[in-house]
N, C-alpha and C. Protein backbone atom coordinates (compact mmCIF):
# COMPACT_ATOMS: atom_id res chain seq x y z
N UNK A 1 -179.08 56.51 -45.43
CA UNK A 1 -178.71 55.46 -44.50
C UNK A 1 -178.97 54.08 -45.11
N UNK A 2 -180.09 53.97 -45.82
CA UNK A 2 -180.41 52.69 -46.46
C UNK A 2 -179.35 52.35 -47.50
N UNK A 3 -178.89 53.34 -48.24
CA UNK A 3 -177.86 53.10 -49.25
C UNK A 3 -176.57 52.60 -48.60
N UNK A 4 -176.18 53.17 -47.47
CA UNK A 4 -174.98 52.72 -46.77
C UNK A 4 -175.13 51.29 -46.26
N UNK A 5 -176.34 50.96 -45.77
CA UNK A 5 -176.58 49.58 -45.35
C UNK A 5 -176.49 48.65 -46.56
N UNK A 6 -176.95 49.13 -47.72
CA UNK A 6 -176.86 48.33 -48.94
C UNK A 6 -175.42 48.05 -49.33
N UNK A 7 -174.56 49.05 -49.21
CA UNK A 7 -173.14 48.85 -49.50
C UNK A 7 -172.56 47.79 -48.56
N UNK A 8 -172.92 47.88 -47.28
CA UNK A 8 -172.44 46.89 -46.31
C UNK A 8 -172.95 45.49 -46.67
N UNK A 9 -174.22 45.39 -47.07
CA UNK A 9 -174.78 44.10 -47.45
C UNK A 9 -174.05 43.50 -48.65
N UNK A 10 -173.77 44.34 -49.65
CA UNK A 10 -173.04 43.84 -50.81
C UNK A 10 -171.64 43.37 -50.43
N UNK A 11 -170.97 44.11 -49.57
CA UNK A 11 -169.61 43.73 -49.15
C UNK A 11 -169.63 42.40 -48.40
N UNK A 12 -170.60 42.25 -47.48
CA UNK A 12 -170.69 41.00 -46.73
C UNK A 12 -171.04 39.84 -47.66
N UNK A 13 -171.97 40.08 -48.56
CA UNK A 13 -172.42 39.04 -49.49
C UNK A 13 -171.25 38.58 -50.36
N UNK A 14 -170.51 39.55 -50.88
CA UNK A 14 -169.38 39.22 -51.75
C UNK A 14 -168.30 38.46 -50.98
N UNK A 15 -168.06 38.85 -49.73
CA UNK A 15 -167.06 38.16 -48.91
C UNK A 15 -167.46 36.71 -48.67
N UNK A 16 -168.73 36.48 -48.42
CA UNK A 16 -169.21 35.11 -48.19
C UNK A 16 -169.09 34.30 -49.48
N UNK A 17 -169.46 34.90 -50.62
CA UNK A 17 -169.33 34.18 -51.89
C UNK A 17 -167.86 33.85 -52.18
N UNK A 18 -166.96 34.77 -51.89
CA UNK A 18 -165.53 34.55 -52.15
C UNK A 18 -164.90 33.56 -51.18
N UNK A 19 -165.54 33.32 -50.06
CA UNK A 19 -164.97 32.43 -49.05
C UNK A 19 -164.95 30.97 -49.51
N UNK A 20 -165.86 30.60 -50.41
CA UNK A 20 -165.93 29.22 -50.87
C UNK A 20 -166.39 28.26 -49.78
N UNK A 21 -167.10 28.75 -48.81
CA UNK A 21 -167.57 27.94 -47.69
C UNK A 21 -168.47 26.80 -48.20
N UNK A 22 -168.38 25.60 -47.60
CA UNK A 22 -169.18 24.46 -48.05
C UNK A 22 -170.68 24.69 -47.98
N UNK A 23 -171.12 25.60 -47.15
CA UNK A 23 -172.55 25.87 -47.03
C UNK A 23 -173.13 26.43 -48.34
N UNK A 24 -172.27 27.04 -49.15
CA UNK A 24 -172.73 27.61 -50.42
C UNK A 24 -173.23 26.52 -51.37
N UNK A 25 -172.64 25.36 -51.28
CA UNK A 25 -173.07 24.25 -52.14
C UNK A 25 -174.48 23.78 -51.79
N UNK A 26 -174.90 24.03 -50.56
CA UNK A 26 -176.22 23.58 -50.11
C UNK A 26 -177.35 24.48 -50.60
N UNK A 27 -177.05 25.69 -51.04
CA UNK A 27 -178.12 26.56 -51.54
C UNK A 27 -178.30 26.42 -53.04
N UNK A 28 -177.55 25.54 -53.64
CA UNK A 28 -177.74 25.10 -55.01
C UNK A 28 -177.87 26.17 -56.07
N UNK A 29 -179.03 26.21 -56.72
CA UNK A 29 -179.25 27.03 -57.91
C UNK A 29 -179.01 28.51 -57.65
N UNK A 30 -179.29 28.98 -56.44
CA UNK A 30 -179.11 30.40 -56.14
C UNK A 30 -177.63 30.78 -56.21
N UNK A 31 -176.79 29.88 -55.75
CA UNK A 31 -175.35 30.14 -55.76
C UNK A 31 -174.74 29.89 -57.13
N UNK A 32 -175.19 28.82 -57.81
CA UNK A 32 -174.56 28.42 -59.06
C UNK A 32 -175.04 29.23 -60.26
N UNK A 33 -176.27 29.73 -60.24
CA UNK A 33 -176.77 30.42 -61.42
C UNK A 33 -176.03 31.74 -61.63
N UNK A 34 -175.64 31.94 -62.85
CA UNK A 34 -174.86 33.10 -63.28
C UNK A 34 -173.55 33.23 -62.50
N UNK A 35 -172.98 32.11 -62.13
CA UNK A 35 -171.70 32.11 -61.42
C UNK A 35 -171.77 32.74 -60.05
N UNK A 36 -172.92 32.64 -59.40
CA UNK A 36 -173.09 33.23 -58.08
C UNK A 36 -173.60 34.66 -58.13
N UNK A 37 -173.73 35.19 -59.31
CA UNK A 37 -174.17 36.58 -59.46
C UNK A 37 -175.67 36.75 -59.29
N UNK A 38 -176.44 35.69 -59.45
CA UNK A 38 -177.89 35.81 -59.29
C UNK A 38 -178.24 36.27 -57.88
N UNK A 39 -177.52 35.76 -56.90
CA UNK A 39 -177.80 36.17 -55.52
C UNK A 39 -177.46 37.65 -55.32
N UNK A 40 -176.47 38.17 -56.05
CA UNK A 40 -176.17 39.59 -55.98
C UNK A 40 -177.25 40.42 -56.65
N UNK A 41 -177.87 39.89 -57.69
CA UNK A 41 -178.99 40.57 -58.35
C UNK A 41 -180.18 40.65 -57.39
N UNK A 42 -180.42 39.58 -56.65
CA UNK A 42 -181.49 39.58 -55.65
C UNK A 42 -181.17 40.62 -54.57
N UNK A 43 -179.93 40.69 -54.15
CA UNK A 43 -179.50 41.69 -53.16
C UNK A 43 -179.77 43.10 -53.67
N UNK A 44 -179.44 43.35 -54.94
CA UNK A 44 -179.68 44.66 -55.54
C UNK A 44 -181.17 44.97 -55.59
N UNK A 45 -181.98 43.98 -55.95
CA UNK A 45 -183.43 44.19 -56.03
C UNK A 45 -184.00 44.56 -54.65
N UNK A 46 -183.51 43.91 -53.60
CA UNK A 46 -183.95 44.26 -52.24
C UNK A 46 -183.57 45.69 -51.88
N UNK A 47 -182.35 46.08 -52.21
CA UNK A 47 -181.91 47.44 -51.92
C UNK A 47 -182.72 48.47 -52.71
N UNK A 48 -182.88 48.24 -53.99
CA UNK A 48 -183.62 49.17 -54.83
C UNK A 48 -185.07 49.30 -54.37
N UNK A 49 -185.69 48.16 -54.10
CA UNK A 49 -187.08 48.19 -53.63
C UNK A 49 -187.23 48.94 -52.32
N UNK A 50 -186.31 48.70 -51.40
CA UNK A 50 -186.37 49.39 -50.11
C UNK A 50 -186.16 50.89 -50.28
N UNK A 51 -185.21 51.29 -51.12
CA UNK A 51 -184.97 52.71 -51.33
C UNK A 51 -186.18 53.39 -51.97
N UNK A 52 -186.84 52.72 -52.90
CA UNK A 52 -188.04 53.29 -53.51
C UNK A 52 -189.18 53.41 -52.51
N UNK A 53 -189.35 52.40 -51.68
CA UNK A 53 -190.42 52.44 -50.68
C UNK A 53 -190.16 53.51 -49.62
N UNK A 54 -188.92 53.65 -49.20
CA UNK A 54 -188.58 54.69 -48.22
C UNK A 54 -188.77 56.08 -48.84
N UNK A 55 -188.38 56.24 -50.10
CA UNK A 55 -188.53 57.53 -50.77
C UNK A 55 -189.99 57.92 -50.95
N UNK A 56 -190.88 56.93 -51.03
CA UNK A 56 -192.30 57.23 -51.21
C UNK A 56 -193.02 57.39 -49.87
N UNK A 57 -192.26 57.46 -48.78
CA UNK A 57 -192.87 57.74 -47.50
C UNK A 57 -193.00 56.57 -46.55
N UNK A 58 -192.55 55.42 -46.93
CA UNK A 58 -192.64 54.23 -46.07
C UNK A 58 -191.39 54.09 -45.22
N UNK A 59 -191.19 54.99 -44.27
CA UNK A 59 -189.98 55.00 -43.47
C UNK A 59 -189.73 53.74 -42.67
N UNK A 60 -190.81 53.02 -42.33
CA UNK A 60 -190.62 51.78 -41.55
C UNK A 60 -189.90 50.72 -42.36
N UNK A 61 -189.87 50.85 -43.68
CA UNK A 61 -189.11 49.90 -44.50
C UNK A 61 -187.62 50.00 -44.20
N UNK A 62 -187.17 51.19 -43.82
CA UNK A 62 -185.76 51.36 -43.46
C UNK A 62 -185.42 50.54 -42.22
N UNK A 63 -186.35 50.50 -41.26
CA UNK A 63 -186.13 49.67 -40.07
C UNK A 63 -186.06 48.19 -40.44
N UNK A 64 -186.93 47.77 -41.34
CA UNK A 64 -186.90 46.38 -41.79
C UNK A 64 -185.60 46.04 -42.50
N UNK A 65 -185.13 46.97 -43.33
CA UNK A 65 -183.86 46.74 -44.03
C UNK A 65 -182.70 46.75 -43.04
N UNK A 66 -182.81 47.56 -42.00
CA UNK A 66 -181.80 47.56 -40.95
C UNK A 66 -181.74 46.22 -40.24
N UNK A 67 -182.92 45.65 -39.97
CA UNK A 67 -182.98 44.31 -39.36
C UNK A 67 -182.37 43.27 -40.30
N UNK A 68 -182.69 43.36 -41.57
CA UNK A 68 -182.13 42.47 -42.58
C UNK A 68 -180.60 42.59 -42.61
N UNK A 69 -180.09 43.82 -42.55
CA UNK A 69 -178.65 44.05 -42.54
C UNK A 69 -178.00 43.43 -41.31
N UNK A 70 -178.66 43.57 -40.17
CA UNK A 70 -178.14 42.97 -38.94
C UNK A 70 -178.07 41.45 -39.03
N UNK A 71 -179.11 40.84 -39.60
CA UNK A 71 -179.11 39.38 -39.77
C UNK A 71 -178.01 38.96 -40.75
N UNK A 72 -177.83 39.75 -41.83
CA UNK A 72 -176.74 39.46 -42.78
C UNK A 72 -175.38 39.53 -42.11
N UNK A 73 -175.19 40.55 -41.28
CA UNK A 73 -173.91 40.72 -40.60
C UNK A 73 -173.63 39.54 -39.68
N UNK A 74 -174.63 39.11 -38.94
CA UNK A 74 -174.47 37.98 -38.04
C UNK A 74 -174.18 36.70 -38.82
N UNK A 75 -174.92 36.48 -39.90
CA UNK A 75 -174.70 35.29 -40.73
C UNK A 75 -173.32 35.30 -41.37
N UNK A 76 -172.92 36.44 -41.90
CA UNK A 76 -171.59 36.54 -42.52
C UNK A 76 -170.51 36.30 -41.49
N UNK A 77 -170.68 36.83 -40.29
CA UNK A 77 -169.70 36.61 -39.23
C UNK A 77 -169.59 35.12 -38.91
N UNK A 78 -170.74 34.44 -38.79
CA UNK A 78 -170.73 33.01 -38.50
C UNK A 78 -170.01 32.22 -39.58
N UNK A 79 -170.30 32.55 -40.84
CA UNK A 79 -169.71 31.81 -41.96
C UNK A 79 -168.21 32.12 -42.10
N UNK A 80 -167.85 33.39 -42.05
CA UNK A 80 -166.46 33.77 -42.29
C UNK A 80 -165.52 33.39 -41.15
N UNK A 81 -166.04 33.25 -39.95
CA UNK A 81 -165.18 32.85 -38.83
C UNK A 81 -165.18 31.34 -38.62
N UNK A 82 -165.94 30.62 -39.44
CA UNK A 82 -165.95 29.16 -39.36
C UNK A 82 -166.78 28.61 -38.21
N UNK A 83 -167.67 29.40 -37.69
CA UNK A 83 -168.51 28.92 -36.58
C UNK A 83 -169.69 28.08 -37.09
N UNK A 84 -169.92 28.11 -38.39
CA UNK A 84 -170.96 27.29 -39.00
C UNK A 84 -170.29 26.26 -39.88
């Protein structure tokens, strides 16, 4: 389940990066470093860390990642629909 949430997070993240929304300019170095790929590396690190923690018995980390995914979905919706 965590892996599927990770796929959704990557898809939302990539869609926001591709949107060219003006808010991206405000996050500066995170967006510009490595052509915007640094933020995807951070996304991967969060997914990998969560999967390792869940695999070692920390099931509540999955709930935290689920909350993170929900916040990402809401943020992506706001940005992609122009509400922000």
